[in-house]
Amino acid sequence: MGQQLNISRQLSPSPSPSHPPLRDIMSIQVTGKIEKRDIGTGVWVLVAEDGTLYELQKIPKDLPKPCDHLTLIGEPKPDVMTLAAIGTVLEVQSFHHP
């Protein structure tokens, strides 16, 4: 079964004193399982249904860990490097656990 990946892009309003300059904001929705990998002091990753690894950051306290099946919505940070360097960093914004 292939991974369903939903990507949404939003543009912030035009620059003004109350808004920062126009920038592109991207979030993705990925389904998979959460595992802890023993790299360094340990890191939580999302293993997507297609096998892609995402290193999780800004994990909500109520996110079940480990978890066999859930959907995360987050912002990928391909320009962020970590000590684990295990996959693209995904800043978690929300999740759905059936």
C-alpha atoms as a PDB file:
ATOM      1  CA  MET A   1       0.000   0.000   0.000  1.00  0.00           C
ATOM      2  CA  GLY A   2       1.463   3.368  -1.007  1.00  0.00           C
ATOM      3  CA  GLN A   3       1.882   6.280   1.338  1.00  0.00           C
ATOM      4  CA  GLN A   4      -0.644   9.069   1.125  1.00  0.00           C
ATOM      5  CA  LEU A   5       1.156  12.386   1.292  1.00  0.00           C
ATOM      6  CA  ASN A   6      -0.869  15.565   1.374  1.00  0.00           C
ATOM      7  CA  ILE A   7       0.983  18.820   0.912  1.00  0.00           C
ATOM      8  CA  SER A   8      -0.591  22.188   1.468  1.00  0.00           C
ATOM      9  CA  ARG A   9       1.022  25.525   0.851  1.00  0.00           C
ATOM     10  CA  GLN A  10      -0.105  28.835   2.227  1.00  0.00           C
ATOM     11  CA  LEU A  11       1.232  32.296   1.686  1.00  0.00           C
ATOM     12  CA  SER A  12       1.208  34.757   4.520  1.00  0.00           C
ATOM     13  CA  PRO A  13      -0.505  38.111   3.914  1.00  0.00           C
ATOM     14  CA  SER A  14       1.361  40.947   2.273  1.00  0.00           C
ATOM     15  CA  PRO A  15       4.057  42.487   4.487  1.00  0.00           C
ATOM     16  CA  SER A  16       2.780  45.040   6.977  1.00  0.00           C
ATOM     17  CA  PRO A  17       3.699  46.122  10.493  1.00  0.00           C
ATOM     18  CA  SER A  18       1.579  43.266  11.885  1.00  0.00           C
ATOM     19  CA  HIS A  19       2.801  40.594   9.432  1.00  0.00           C
ATOM     20  CA  PRO A  20       6.315  39.442   8.576  1.00  0.00           C
ATOM     21  CA  PRO A  21       7.479  39.558   4.947  1.00  0.00           C
ATOM     22  CA  LEU A  22       5.756  37.202   2.550  1.00  0.00           C
ATOM     23  CA  ARG A  23       7.050  33.659   2.987  1.00  0.00           C
ATOM     24  CA  ASP A  24       6.077  30.215   1.842  1.00  0.00           C
ATOM     25  CA  ILE A  25       4.750  27.896   4.566  1.00  0.00           C
ATOM     26  CA  MET A  26       4.467  24.185   3.801  1.00  0.00           C
ATOM     27  CA  SER A  27       3.006  21.410   5.894  1.00  0.00           C
ATOM     28  CA  ILE A  28       2.658  17.743   5.062  1.00  0.00           C
ATOM     29  CA  GLN A  29       0.476  14.923   6.321  1.00  0.00           C
ATOM     30  CA  VAL A  30       2.242  11.572   6.714  1.00  0.00           C
ATOM     31  CA  THR A  31       0.924   8.241   7.985  1.00  0.00           C
ATOM     32  CA  GLY A  32       3.181   5.680   9.616  1.00  0.00           C
ATOM     33  CA  LYS A  33       4.499   4.463  12.949  1.00  0.00           C
ATOM     34  CA  ILE A  34       6.595   6.110  15.647  1.00  0.00           C
ATOM     35  CA  GLU A  35       9.724   4.353  16.879  1.00  0.00           C
ATOM     36  CA  LYS A  36      12.645   5.265  19.106  1.00  0.00           C
ATOM     37  CA  ARG A  37      16.033   4.777  17.457  1.00  0.00           C
ATOM     38  CA  ASP A  38      19.147   4.268  19.568  1.00  0.00           C
ATOM     39  CA  ILE A  39      21.343   6.920  18.021  1.00  0.00           C
ATOM     40  CA  GLY A  40      23.196   9.080  20.525  1.00  0.00           C
ATOM     41  CA  THR A  41      20.820   9.638  23.427  1.00  0.00           C
ATOM     42  CA  GLY A  42      17.942   8.312  21.347  1.00  0.00           C
ATOM     43  CA  VAL A  43      15.652   9.928  18.816  1.00  0.00           C
ATOM     44  CA  TRP A  44      11.959   9.536  17.958  1.00  0.00           C
ATOM     45  CA  VAL A  45      11.246   8.948  14.284  1.00  0.00           C
ATOM     46  CA  LEU A  46       8.190   8.536  12.113  1.00  0.00           C
ATOM     47  CA  VAL A  47       8.593   5.595   9.749  1.00  0.00           C
ATOM     48  CA  ALA A  48       6.223   6.460   6.903  1.00  0.00           C
ATOM     49  CA  GLU A  49       4.256   3.725   5.153  1.00  0.00           C
ATOM     50  CA  ASP A  50       6.705   3.907   2.221  1.00  0.00           C
ATOM     51  CA  GLY A  51       9.717   3.528   4.549  1.00  0.00           C
ATOM     52  CA  THR A  52      10.773   7.196   4.575  1.00  0.00           C
ATOM     53  CA  LEU A  53      12.189   8.295   7.949  1.00  0.00           C
ATOM     54  CA  TYR A  54      11.361  11.634   9.555  1.00  0.00           C
ATOM     55  CA  GLU A  55      13.160  12.762  12.696  1.00  0.00           C
ATOM     56  CA  LEU A  56      10.532  14.335  14.935  1.00  0.00           C
ATOM     57  CA  GLN A  57      10.930  17.702  16.638  1.00  0.00           C
ATOM     58  CA  LYS A  58       8.532  19.752  18.776  1.00  0.00           C
ATOM     59  CA  ILE A  59       6.715  16.569  19.746  1.00  0.00           C
ATOM     60  CA  PRO A  60       3.450  17.208  21.625  1.00  0.00           C
ATOM     61  CA  LYS A  61       3.441  15.712  25.137  1.00  0.00           C
ATOM     62  CA  ASP A  62       0.260  13.749  24.374  1.00  0.00           C
ATOM     63  CA  LEU A  63       1.665  12.097  21.229  1.00  0.00           C
ATOM     64  CA  PRO A  64       1.682   8.316  21.839  1.00  0.00           C
ATOM     65  CA  LYS A  65       5.242   6.939  21.746  1.00  0.00           C
ATOM     66  CA  PRO A  66       5.843   4.340  20.440  1.00  0.00           C
ATOM     67  CA  CYS A  67       2.799   3.964  18.200  1.00  0.00           C
ATOM     68  CA  ASP A  68       2.019   1.457  15.469  1.00  0.00           C
ATOM     69  CA  HIS A  69      -0.231   3.672  13.347  1.00  0.00           C
ATOM     70  CA  LEU A  70      -1.002   7.387  13.274  1.00  0.00           C
ATOM     71  CA  THR A  71      -1.050  10.395  10.995  1.00  0.00           C
ATOM     72  CA  LEU A  72       1.141  13.424  11.659  1.00  0.00           C
ATOM     73  CA  ILE A  73       0.840  16.903  10.211  1.00  0.00           C
ATOM     74  CA  GLY A  74       4.019  18.909  10.320  1.00  0.00           C
ATOM     75  CA  GLU A  75       6.471  21.155   8.573  1.00  0.00           C
ATOM     76  CA  PRO A  76       9.485  19.434   7.010  1.00  0.00           C
ATOM     77  CA  LYS A  77      12.801  21.154   7.741  1.00  0.00           C
ATOM     78  CA  PRO A  78      15.220  19.766   5.118  1.00  0.00           C
ATOM     79  CA  ASP A  79      17.790  22.477   5.933  1.00  0.00           C
ATOM     80  CA  VAL A  80      17.997  21.495   9.646  1.00  0.00           C
ATOM     81  CA  MET A  81      20.846  19.178  10.663  1.00  0.00           C
ATOM     82  CA  THR A  82      20.814  17.080  13.838  1.00  0.00           C
ATOM     83  CA  LEU A  83      23.303  14.797  15.566  1.00  0.00           C
ATOM     84  CA  ALA A  84      21.238  11.744  14.624  1.00  0.00           C
ATOM     85  CA  ALA A  85      20.992  12.766  10.940  1.00  0.00           C
ATOM     86  CA  ILE A  86      18.536   9.907  10.457  1.00  0.00           C
ATOM     87  CA  GLY A  87      16.034  11.597   8.129  1.00  0.00           C
ATOM     88  CA  THR A  88      14.342  14.850   7.275  1.00  0.00           C
ATOM     89  CA  VAL A  89      13.386  16.780  10.400  1.00  0.00           C
ATOM     90  CA  LEU A  90       9.617  17.096  10.774  1.00  0.00           C
ATOM     91  CA  GLU A  91       8.296  19.739  13.193  1.00  0.00           C
ATOM     92  CA  VAL A  92       5.076  18.205  14.483  1.00  0.00           C
ATOM     93  CA  GLN A  93       2.058  20.511  14.358  1.00  0.00           C
ATOM     94  CA  SER A  94      -0.722  18.013  15.081  1.00  0.00           C
ATOM     95  CA  PHE A  95      -1.549  14.318  14.906  1.00  0.00           C
ATOM     96  CA  HIS A  96      -4.458  11.931  14.517  1.00  0.00           C
ATOM     97  CA  HIS A  97      -4.436   8.576  16.284  1.00  0.00           C
ATOM     98  CA  PRO A  98      -7.330   6.305  15.276  1.00  0.00           C
END
